[in-house]
Amino acid sequence: MTINNALLTLRTLLPDSGSVTKDQIERQVDFALSNPEFDGIDKNLLIREVESLYRVRVEEFRMIESNERKRHWVNESQNQITWNFWERYRTFLQFRKNFA
């Protein structure tokens, strides 16, 4: 069997619409590759092909950043900043977006 047949099988195993997680893809790829008809198909290649067909969402992510980036610089510089567009933006949020 070809990789195209494996992709067709995987499209029946995964949701028709919306997005999928990497974990869902990997579980279904493992399941599909357990079929002897798909012997010899590279798992990583198949995963990449499936990922190209779906929107893959990331459930949880973490950012690694230095403590310097977490420094609250606005509080220190607030009086020195000229806020040129604040009034226009505030009006937009209040009247166009109905934000408080």
PDB file of N, CA and C in Angstrom:
ATOM      1  N   MET A   1       0.844  -1.187   0.000  1.00  0.00           N
ATOM      2  CA  MET A   1       0.000   0.000   0.000  1.00  0.00           C
ATOM      3  C   MET A   1       0.881   1.240   0.000  1.00  0.00           C
ATOM      4  N   THR A   2       0.347   2.289  -0.509  1.00  0.00           N
ATOM      5  CA  THR A   2       1.108   3.525  -0.599  1.00  0.00           C
ATOM      6  C   THR A   2       0.776   4.446   0.572  1.00  0.00           C
ATOM      7  N   ILE A   3       1.543   5.494   0.674  1.00  0.00           N
ATOM      8  CA  ILE A   3       1.297   6.486   1.719  1.00  0.00           C
ATOM      9  C   ILE A   3      -0.055   7.166   1.486  1.00  0.00           C
ATOM     10  N   ASN A   4      -0.475   7.291   0.243  1.00  0.00           N
ATOM     11  CA  ASN A   4      -1.780   7.909  -0.048  1.00  0.00           C
ATOM     12  C   ASN A   4      -2.927   7.098   0.552  1.00  0.00           C
ATOM     13  N   ASN A   5      -2.824   5.791   0.502  1.00  0.00           N
ATOM     14  CA  ASN A   5      -3.855   4.945   1.113  1.00  0.00           C
ATOM     15  C   ASN A   5      -3.854   5.106   2.634  1.00  0.00           C
ATOM     16  N   ALA A   6      -2.670   5.234   3.209  1.00  0.00           N
ATOM     17  CA  ALA A   6      -2.581   5.445   4.660  1.00  0.00           C
ATOM     18  C   ALA A   6      -3.192   6.798   5.026  1.00  0.00           C
ATOM     19  N   LEU A   7      -2.968   7.819   4.192  1.00  0.00           N
ATOM     20  CA  LEU A   7      -3.560   9.135   4.437  1.00  0.00           C
ATOM     21  C   LEU A   7      -5.078   9.078   4.352  1.00  0.00           C
ATOM     22  N   LEU A   8      -5.594   8.334   3.393  1.00  0.00           N
ATOM     23  CA  LEU A   8      -7.052   8.183   3.284  1.00  0.00           C
ATOM     24  C   LEU A   8      -7.616   7.522   4.535  1.00  0.00           C
ATOM     25  N   THR A   9      -6.937   6.515   5.027  1.00  0.00           N
ATOM     26  CA  THR A   9      -7.372   5.844   6.251  1.00  0.00           C
ATOM     27  C   THR A   9      -7.346   6.812   7.427  1.00  0.00           C
ATOM     28  N   LEU A  10      -6.274   7.573   7.536  1.00  0.00           N
ATOM     29  CA  LEU A  10      -6.152   8.516   8.648  1.00  0.00           C
ATOM     30  C   LEU A  10      -7.211   9.605   8.589  1.00  0.00           C
ATOM     31  N   ARG A  11      -7.603  10.005   7.395  1.00  0.00           N
ATOM     32  CA  ARG A  11      -8.643  11.040   7.282  1.00  0.00           C
ATOM     33  C   ARG A  11      -9.986  10.518   7.762  1.00  0.00           C
ATOM     34  N   THR A  12     -10.182   9.218   7.717  1.00  0.00           N
ATOM     35  CA  THR A  12     -11.421   8.660   8.267  1.00  0.00           C
ATOM     36  C   THR A  12     -11.348   8.525   9.782  1.00  0.00           C
ATOM     37  N   LEU A  13     -10.132   8.412  10.312  1.00  0.00           N
ATOM     38  CA  LEU A  13      -9.955   8.260  11.757  1.00  0.00           C
ATOM     39  C   LEU A  13      -9.934   9.593  12.502  1.00  0.00           C
ATOM     40  N   LEU A  14      -9.534  10.653  11.821  1.00  0.00           N
ATOM     41  CA  LEU A  14      -9.446  11.974  12.444  1.00  0.00           C
ATOM     42  C   LEU A  14     -10.715  12.768  12.153  1.00  0.00           C
ATOM     43  N   PRO A  15     -11.013  13.807  12.945  1.00  0.00           N
ATOM     44  CA  PRO A  15     -12.228  14.600  12.737  1.00  0.00           C
ATOM     45  C   PRO A  15     -12.268  15.233  11.342  1.00  0.00           C
ATOM     46  N   ASP A  16     -13.488  15.413  10.828  1.00  0.00           N
ATOM     47  CA  ASP A  16     -13.657  15.999   9.495  1.00  0.00           C
ATOM     48  C   ASP A  16     -13.276  17.467   9.455  1.00  0.00           C
ATOM     49  N   SER A  17     -13.591  18.183  10.512  1.00  0.00           N
ATOM     50  CA  SER A  17     -13.326  19.618  10.508  1.00  0.00           C
ATOM     51  C   SER A  17     -12.719  20.028  11.830  1.00  0.00           C
ATOM     52  N   GLY A  18     -12.332  21.281  11.903  1.00  0.00           N
ATOM     53  CA  GLY A  18     -11.723  21.777  13.122  1.00  0.00           C
ATOM     54  C   GLY A  18     -10.242  21.497  13.145  1.00  0.00           C
ATOM     55  N   SER A  19      -9.709  21.432  14.329  1.00  0.00           N
ATOM     56  CA  SER A  19      -8.280  21.218  14.466  1.00  0.00           C
ATOM     57  C   SER A  19      -8.027  19.963  15.290  1.00  0.00           C
ATOM     58  N   VAL A  20      -6.823  19.473  15.184  1.00  0.00           N
ATOM     59  CA  VAL A  20      -6.419  18.272  15.911  1.00  0.00           C
ATOM     60  C   VAL A  20      -5.125  18.574  16.662  1.00  0.00           C
ATOM     61  N   THR A  21      -4.849  17.763  17.648  1.00  0.00           N
ATOM     62  CA  THR A  21      -3.599  17.927  18.393  1.00  0.00           C
ATOM     63  C   THR A  21      -2.554  16.968  17.827  1.00  0.00           C
ATOM     64  N   LYS A  22      -1.300  17.252  18.130  1.00  0.00           N
ATOM     65  CA  LYS A  22      -0.225  16.354  17.712  1.00  0.00           C
ATOM     66  C   LYS A  22      -0.425  14.967  18.313  1.00  0.00           C
ATOM     67  N   ASP A  23      -0.927  14.944  19.553  1.00  0.00           N
ATOM     68  CA  ASP A  23      -1.162  13.671  20.224  1.00  0.00           C
ATOM     69  C   ASP A  23      -2.214  12.844  19.478  1.00  0.00           C
ATOM     70  N   GLN A  24      -3.298  13.500  19.048  1.00  0.00           N
ATOM     71  CA  GLN A  24      -4.330  12.784  18.281  1.00  0.00           C
ATOM     72  C   GLN A  24      -3.745  12.212  16.996  1.00  0.00           C
ATOM     73  N   ILE A  25      -2.946  13.007  16.320  1.00  0.00           N
ATOM     74  CA  ILE A  25      -2.337  12.546  15.067  1.00  0.00           C
ATOM     75  C   ILE A  25      -1.441  11.347  15.334  1.00  0.00           C
ATOM     76  N   GLU A  26      -0.581  11.455  16.330  1.00  0.00           N
ATOM     77  CA  GLU A  26       0.349  10.357  16.618  1.00  0.00           C
ATOM     78  C   GLU A  26      -0.379   9.074  16.996  1.00  0.00           C
ATOM     79  N   ARG A  27      -1.448   9.190  17.807  1.00  0.00           N
ATOM     80  CA  ARG A  27      -2.209   7.992  18.189  1.00  0.00           C
ATOM     81  C   ARG A  27      -2.829   7.328  16.957  1.00  0.00           C
ATOM     82  N   GLN A  28      -3.425   8.123  16.083  1.00  0.00           N
ATOM     83  CA  GLN A  28      -4.081   7.554  14.915  1.00  0.00           C
ATOM     84  C   GLN A  28      -3.067   7.012  13.903  1.00  0.00           C
ATOM     85  N   VAL A  29      -1.917   7.660  13.788  1.00  0.00           N
ATOM     86  CA  VAL A  29      -0.862   7.146  12.908  1.00  0.00           C
ATOM     87  C   VAL A  29      -0.370   5.804  13.429  1.00  0.00           C
ATOM     88  N   ASP A  30      -0.139   5.705  14.734  1.00  0.00           N
ATOM     89  CA  ASP A  30       0.275   4.422  15.320  1.00  0.00           C
ATOM     90  C   ASP A  30      -0.766   3.340  15.049  1.00  0.00           C
ATOM     91  N   PHE A  31      -2.045   3.716  15.212  1.00  0.00           N
ATOM     92  CA  PHE A  31      -3.123   2.757  14.966  1.00  0.00           C
ATOM     93  C   PHE A  31      -3.127   2.318  13.497  1.00  0.00           C
ATOM     94  N   ALA A  32      -3.010   3.273  12.592  1.00  0.00           N
ATOM     95  CA  ALA A  32      -3.038   2.940  11.162  1.00  0.00           C
ATOM     96  C   ALA A  32      -1.836   2.079  10.778  1.00  0.00           C
ATOM     97  N   LEU A  33      -0.674   2.405  11.326  1.00  0.00           N
ATOM     98  CA  LEU A  33       0.528   1.646  10.975  1.00  0.00           C
ATOM     99  C   LEU A  33       0.559   0.261  11.600  1.00  0.00           C
ATOM    100  N   SER A  34      -0.349  -0.008  12.530  1.00  0.00           N
ATOM    101  CA  SER A  34      -0.437  -1.362  13.073  1.00  0.00           C
ATOM    102  C   SER A  34      -1.070  -2.313  12.051  1.00  0.00           C
ATOM    103  N   ASN A  35      -1.672  -1.762  11.017  1.00  0.00           N
ATOM    104  CA  ASN A  35      -2.251  -2.553   9.935  1.00  0.00           C
ATOM    105  C   ASN A  35      -1.116  -3.070   9.048  1.00  0.00           C
ATOM    106  N   PRO A  36      -1.033  -4.368   8.846  1.00  0.00           N
ATOM    107  CA  PRO A  36       0.051  -4.926   8.038  1.00  0.00           C
ATOM    108  C   PRO A  36       0.095  -4.383   6.605  1.00  0.00           C
ATOM    109  N   GLU A  37      -1.019  -3.871   6.106  1.00  0.00           N
ATOM    110  CA  GLU A  37      -1.035  -3.308   4.755  1.00  0.00           C
ATOM    111  C   GLU A  37      -0.114  -2.098   4.626  1.00  0.00           C
ATOM    112  N   PHE A  38       0.158  -1.430   5.750  1.00  0.00           N
ATOM    113  CA  PHE A  38       0.954  -0.206   5.704  1.00  0.00           C
ATOM    114  C   PHE A  38       2.392  -0.420   6.174  1.00  0.00           C
ATOM    115  N   ASP A  39       2.853  -1.684   6.149  1.00  0.00           N
ATOM    116  CA  ASP A  39       4.247  -1.966   6.502  1.00  0.00           C
ATOM    117  C   ASP A  39       5.178  -1.203   5.567  1.00  0.00           C
ATOM    118  N   GLY A  40       6.241  -0.676   6.126  1.00  0.00           N
ATOM    119  CA  GLY A  40       7.243   0.001   5.317  1.00  0.00           C
ATOM    120  C   GLY A  40       7.019   1.499   5.168  1.00  0.00           C
ATOM    121  N   ILE A  41       5.892   2.014   5.631  1.00  0.00           N
ATOM    122  CA  ILE A  41       5.651   3.456   5.545  1.00  0.00           C
ATOM    123  C   ILE A  41       6.340   4.134   6.723  1.00  0.00           C
ATOM    124  N   ASP A  42       7.098   5.161   6.428  1.00  0.00           N
ATOM    125  CA  ASP A  42       7.829   5.885   7.459  1.00  0.00           C
ATOM    126  C   ASP A  42       6.855   6.673   8.336  1.00  0.00           C
ATOM    127  N   LYS A  43       6.901   6.422   9.640  1.00  0.00           N
ATOM    128  CA  LYS A  43       5.967   7.061  10.574  1.00  0.00           C
ATOM    129  C   LYS A  43       6.112   8.579  10.572  1.00  0.00           C
ATOM    130  N   ASN A  44       7.349   9.070  10.635  1.00  0.00           N
ATOM    131  CA  ASN A  44       7.569  10.520  10.682  1.00  0.00           C
ATOM    132  C   ASN A  44       7.088  11.212   9.409  1.00  0.00           C
ATOM    133  N   LEU A  45       7.310  10.580   8.275  1.00  0.00           N
ATOM    134  CA  LEU A  45       6.831  11.135   7.010  1.00  0.00           C
ATOM    135  C   LEU A  45       5.306  11.185   6.995  1.00  0.00           C
ATOM    136  N   LEU A  46       4.679  10.147   7.476  1.00  0.00           N
ATOM    137  CA  LEU A  46       3.218  10.091   7.525  1.00  0.00           C
ATOM    138  C   LEU A  46       2.664  11.168   8.458  1.00  0.00           C
ATOM    139  N   ILE A  47       3.301  11.358   9.599  1.00  0.00           N
ATOM    140  CA  ILE A  47       2.869  12.400  10.537  1.00  0.00           C
ATOM    141  C   ILE A  47       2.981  13.773   9.888  1.00  0.00           C
ATOM    142  N   ARG A  48       4.095  14.036   9.211  1.00  0.00           N
ATOM    143  CA  ARG A  48       4.257  15.338   8.540  1.00  0.00           C
ATOM    144  C   ARG A  48       3.196  15.552   7.472  1.00  0.00           C
ATOM    145  N   GLU A  49       2.867  14.503   6.732  1.00  0.00           N
ATOM    146  CA  GLU A  49       1.836  14.614   5.699  1.00  0.00           C
ATOM    147  C   GLU A  49       0.474  14.931   6.313  1.00  0.00           C
ATOM    148  N   VAL A  50       0.149  14.261   7.414  1.00  0.00           N
ATOM    149  CA  VAL A  50      -1.133  14.511   8.087  1.00  0.00           C
ATOM    150  C   VAL A  50      -1.161  15.930   8.632  1.00  0.00           C
ATOM    151  N   GLU A  51      -0.059  16.376   9.230  1.00  0.00           N
ATOM    152  CA  GLU A  51       0.001  17.733   9.771  1.00  0.00           C
ATOM    153  C   GLU A  51      -0.192  18.783   8.687  1.00  0.00           C
ATOM    154  N   SER A  52       0.193  18.466   7.464  1.00  0.00           N
ATOM    155  CA  SER A  52       0.011  19.430   6.369  1.00  0.00           C
ATOM    156  C   SER A  52      -1.448  19.518   5.928  1.00  0.00           C
ATOM    157  N   LEU A  53      -2.258  18.532   6.292  1.00  0.00           N
ATOM    158  CA  LEU A  53      -3.663  18.510   5.893  1.00  0.00           C
ATOM    159  C   LEU A  53      -4.596  19.118   6.935  1.00  0.00           C
ATOM    160  N   TYR A  54      -4.141  19.228   8.164  1.00  0.00           N
ATOM    161  CA  TYR A  54      -4.981  19.675   9.269  1.00  0.00           C
ATOM    162  C   TYR A  54      -4.400  20.909   9.940  1.00  0.00           C
ATOM    163  N   ARG A  55      -5.267  21.621  10.638  1.00  0.00           N
ATOM    164  CA  ARG A  55      -4.803  22.674  11.546  1.00  0.00           C
ATOM    165  C   ARG A  55      -4.421  21.973  12.834  1.00  0.00           C
ATOM    166  N   VAL A  56      -3.174  22.066  13.203  1.00  0.00           N
ATOM    167  CA  VAL A  56      -2.678  21.391  14.405  1.00  0.00           C
ATOM    168  C   VAL A  56      -2.621  22.414  15.526  1.00  0.00           C
ATOM    169  N   ARG A  57      -3.363  22.141  16.599  1.00  0.00           N
ATOM    170  CA  ARG A  57      -3.376  23.073  17.715  1.00  0.00           C
ATOM    171  C   ARG A  57      -2.455  22.569  18.821  1.00  0.00           C
ATOM    172  N   VAL A  58      -1.915  23.515  19.535  1.00  0.00           N
ATOM    173  CA  VAL A  58      -1.036  23.215  20.656  1.00  0.00           C
ATOM    174  C   VAL A  58      -1.845  23.460  21.913  1.00  0.00           C
ATOM    175  N   GLU A  59      -2.042  22.417  22.688  1.00  0.00           N
ATOM    176  CA  GLU A  59      -2.865  22.521  23.891  1.00  0.00           C
ATOM    177  C   GLU A  59      -2.224  23.410  24.943  1.00  0.00           C
ATOM    178  N   GLU A  60      -0.997  23.139  25.268  1.00  0.00           N
ATOM    179  CA  GLU A  60      -0.306  23.920  26.285  1.00  0.00           C
ATOM    180  C   GLU A  60       1.048  24.302  25.735  1.00  0.00           C
ATOM    181  N   PHE A  61       1.463  25.495  26.055  1.00  0.00           N
ATOM    182  CA  PHE A  61       2.793  25.904  25.664  1.00  0.00           C
ATOM    183  C   PHE A  61       3.416  26.706  26.788  1.00  0.00           C
ATOM    184  N   ARG A  62       4.702  26.771  26.763  1.00  0.00           N
ATOM    185  CA  ARG A  62       5.425  27.532  27.772  1.00  0.00           C
ATOM    186  C   ARG A  62       6.430  28.413  27.046  1.00  0.00           C
ATOM    187  N   MET A  63       6.626  29.573  27.617  1.00  0.00           N
ATOM    188  CA  MET A  63       7.641  30.468  27.076  1.00  0.00           C
ATOM    189  C   MET A  63       8.816  30.497  28.029  1.00  0.00           C
ATOM    190  N   ILE A  64       9.972  30.402  27.483  1.00  0.00           N
ATOM    191  CA  ILE A  64      11.182  30.506  28.282  1.00  0.00           C
ATOM    192  C   ILE A  64      11.732  31.901  28.032  1.00  0.00           C
ATOM    193  N   GLU A  65      11.821  32.668  29.090  1.00  0.00           N
ATOM    194  CA  GLU A  65      12.330  34.020  28.937  1.00  0.00           C
ATOM    195  C   GLU A  65      13.153  34.401  30.152  1.00  0.00           C
ATOM    196  N   SER A  66      13.998  35.363  29.958  1.00  0.00           N
ATOM    197  CA  SER A  66      14.844  35.802  31.065  1.00  0.00           C
ATOM    198  C   SER A  66      14.049  36.696  32.008  1.00  0.00           C
ATOM    199  N   ASN A  67      14.540  36.823  33.214  1.00  0.00           N
ATOM    200  CA  ASN A  67      13.879  37.681  34.198  1.00  0.00           C
ATOM    201  C   ASN A  67      13.852  39.134  33.750  1.00  0.00           C
ATOM    202  N   GLU A  68      14.818  39.525  32.937  1.00  0.00           N
ATOM    203  CA  GLU A  68      14.863  40.900  32.448  1.00  0.00           C
ATOM    204  C   GLU A  68      13.633  41.223  31.603  1.00  0.00           C
ATOM    205  N   ARG A  69      13.144  40.270  30.830  1.00  0.00           N
ATOM    206  CA  ARG A  69      11.957  40.502  30.007  1.00  0.00           C
ATOM    207  C   ARG A  69      10.703  40.634  30.854  1.00  0.00           C
ATOM    208  N   LYS A  70      10.713  40.095  32.055  1.00  0.00           N
ATOM    209  CA  LYS A  70       9.549  40.171  32.924  1.00  0.00           C
ATOM    210  C   LYS A  70       9.494  41.487  33.690  1.00  0.00           C
ATOM    211  N   ARG A  71      10.523  42.295  33.557  1.00  0.00           N
ATOM    212  CA  ARG A  71      10.601  43.571  34.264  1.00  0.00           C
ATOM    213  C   ARG A  71       9.490  44.493  33.770  1.00  0.00           C
ATOM    214  N   HIS A  72       8.760  45.118  34.673  1.00  0.00           N
ATOM    215  CA  HIS A  72       7.658  46.003  34.323  1.00  0.00           C
ATOM    216  C   HIS A  72       8.208  47.382  33.978  1.00  0.00           C
ATOM    217  N   TRP A  73       8.571  47.560  32.720  1.00  0.00           N
ATOM    218  CA  TRP A  73       9.210  48.792  32.292  1.00  0.00           C
ATOM    219  C   TRP A  73       8.217  49.949  32.161  1.00  0.00           C
ATOM    220  N   VAL A  74       6.955  49.678  31.901  1.00  0.00           N
ATOM    221  CA  VAL A  74       5.990  50.761  31.701  1.00  0.00           C
ATOM    222  C   VAL A  74       5.827  51.584  32.968  1.00  0.00           C
ATOM    223  N   ASN A  75       5.747  50.915  34.104  1.00  0.00           N
ATOM    224  CA  ASN A  75       5.575  51.645  35.365  1.00  0.00           C
ATOM    225  C   ASN A  75       6.695  52.645  35.596  1.00  0.00           C
ATOM    226  N   GLU A  76       7.907  52.287  35.204  1.00  0.00           N
ATOM    227  CA  GLU A  76       9.055  53.157  35.413  1.00  0.00           C
ATOM    228  C   GLU A  76       9.059  54.333  34.435  1.00  0.00           C
ATOM    229  N   SER A  77       8.571  54.136  33.230  1.00  0.00           N
ATOM    230  CA  SER A  77       8.673  55.140  32.178  1.00  0.00           C
ATOM    231  C   SER A  77       7.356  55.816  31.832  1.00  0.00           C
ATOM    232  N   GLN A  78       6.305  55.492  32.510  1.00  0.00           N
ATOM    233  CA  GLN A  78       4.971  55.945  32.118  1.00  0.00           C
ATOM    234  C   GLN A  78       4.859  57.462  31.977  1.00  0.00           C
ATOM    235  N   ASN A  79       5.453  58.203  32.886  1.00  0.00           N
ATOM    236  CA  ASN A  79       5.354  59.661  32.834  1.00  0.00           C
ATOM    237  C   ASN A  79       6.160  60.270  31.689  1.00  0.00           C
ATOM    238  N   GLN A  80       7.120  59.543  31.164  1.00  0.00           N
ATOM    239  CA  GLN A  80       7.973  60.056  30.096  1.00  0.00           C
ATOM    240  C   GLN A  80       7.450  59.704  28.710  1.00  0.00           C
ATOM    241  N   ILE A  81       6.461  58.823  28.618  1.00  0.00           N
ATOM    242  CA  ILE A  81       5.953  58.373  27.322  1.00  0.00           C
ATOM    243  C   ILE A  81       4.854  59.309  26.842  1.00  0.00           C
ATOM    244  N   THR A  82       4.930  59.674  25.571  1.00  0.00           N
ATOM    245  CA  THR A  82       3.862  60.454  24.956  1.00  0.00           C
ATOM    246  C   THR A  82       2.901  59.467  24.301  1.00  0.00           C
ATOM    247  N   TRP A  83       1.705  59.396  24.827  1.00  0.00           N
ATOM    248  CA  TRP A  83       0.717  58.433  24.346  1.00  0.00           C
ATOM    249  C   TRP A  83      -0.100  59.081  23.226  1.00  0.00           C
ATOM    250  N   ASN A  84       0.439  59.102  22.020  1.00  0.00           N
ATOM    251  CA  ASN A  84      -0.146  59.830  20.898  1.00  0.00           C
ATOM    252  C   ASN A  84      -1.525  59.334  20.483  1.00  0.00           C
ATOM    253  N   PHE A  85      -1.752  58.073  20.542  1.00  0.00           N
ATOM    254  CA  PHE A  85      -2.982  57.511  19.987  1.00  0.00           C
ATOM    255  C   PHE A  85      -3.920  56.937  21.036  1.00  0.00           C
ATOM    256  N   TRP A  86      -3.657  57.169  22.306  1.00  0.00           N
ATOM    257  CA  TRP A  86      -4.450  56.554  23.359  1.00  0.00           C
ATOM    258  C   TRP A  86      -5.919  56.955  23.282  1.00  0.00           C
ATOM    259  N   GLU A  87      -6.204  58.230  23.124  1.00  0.00           N
ATOM    260  CA  GLU A  87      -7.602  58.677  23.106  1.00  0.00           C
ATOM    261  C   GLU A  87      -8.358  58.058  21.929  1.00  0.00           C
ATOM    262  N   ARG A  88      -7.740  58.029  20.781  1.00  0.00           N
ATOM    263  CA  ARG A  88      -8.378  57.431  19.611  1.00  0.00           C
ATOM    264  C   ARG A  88      -8.636  55.935  19.849  1.00  0.00           C
ATOM    265  N   TYR A  89      -7.665  55.235  20.411  1.00  0.00           N
ATOM    266  CA  TYR A  89      -7.813  53.809  20.667  1.00  0.00           C
ATOM    267  C   TYR A  89      -8.888  53.555  21.731  1.00  0.00           C
ATOM    268  N   ARG A  90      -8.900  54.373  22.785  1.00  0.00           N
ATOM    269  CA  ARG A  90      -9.905  54.232  23.843  1.00  0.00           C
ATOM    270  C   ARG A  90     -11.312  54.450  23.284  1.00  0.00           C
ATOM    271  N   THR A  91     -11.479  55.427  22.431  1.00  0.00           N
ATOM    272  CA  THR A  91     -12.771  55.693  21.795  1.00  0.00           C
ATOM    273  C   THR A  91     -13.185  54.516  20.923  1.00  0.00           C
ATOM    274  N   PHE A  92     -12.249  53.980  20.176  1.00  0.00           N
ATOM    275  CA  PHE A  92     -12.525  52.813  19.334  1.00  0.00           C
ATOM    276  C   PHE A  92     -13.013  51.639  20.187  1.00  0.00           C
ATOM    277  N   LEU A  93     -12.316  51.362  21.295  1.00  0.00           N
ATOM    278  CA  LEU A  93     -12.702  50.241  22.149  1.00  0.00           C
ATOM    279  C   LEU A  93     -14.068  50.466  22.786  1.00  0.00           C
ATOM    280  N   GLN A  94     -14.350  51.689  23.198  1.00  0.00           N
ATOM    281  CA  GLN A  94     -15.620  51.977  23.867  1.00  0.00           C
ATOM    282  C   GLN A  94     -16.803  51.936  22.904  1.00  0.00           C
ATOM    283  N   PHE A  95     -16.676  52.599  21.762  1.00  0.00           N
ATOM    284  CA  PHE A  95     -17.829  52.796  20.903  1.00  0.00           C
ATOM    285  C   PHE A  95     -17.941  51.798  19.754  1.00  0.00           C
ATOM    286  N   ARG A  96     -16.838  51.298  19.266  1.00  0.00           N
ATOM    287  CA  ARG A  96     -16.900  50.324  18.175  1.00  0.00           C
ATOM    288  C   ARG A  96     -16.963  48.889  18.688  1.00  0.00           C
ATOM    289  N   LYS A  97     -16.208  48.622  19.751  1.00  0.00           N
ATOM    290  CA  LYS A  97     -16.141  47.262  20.291  1.00  0.00           C
ATOM    291  C   LYS A  97     -17.018  47.072  21.514  1.00  0.00           C
ATOM    292  N   ASN A  98     -17.606  48.152  22.017  1.00  0.00           N
ATOM    293  CA  ASN A  98     -18.459  48.109  23.207  1.00  0.00           C
ATOM    294  C   ASN A  98     -17.753  47.547  24.428  1.00  0.00           C
ATOM    295  N   PHE A  99     -16.479  47.879  24.565  1.00  0.00           N
ATOM    296  CA  PHE A  99     -15.727  47.484  25.757  1.00  0.00           C
ATOM    297  C   PHE A  99     -15.962  48.529  26.839  1.00  0.00           C
ATOM    298  N   ALA A 100     -15.856  48.103  28.074  1.00  0.00           N
ATOM    299  CA  ALA A 100     -16.025  49.034  29.193  1.00  0.00           C
ATOM    300  C   ALA A 100     -14.880  50.024  29.230  1.00  0.00           C
TER     301      ALA A 100
END
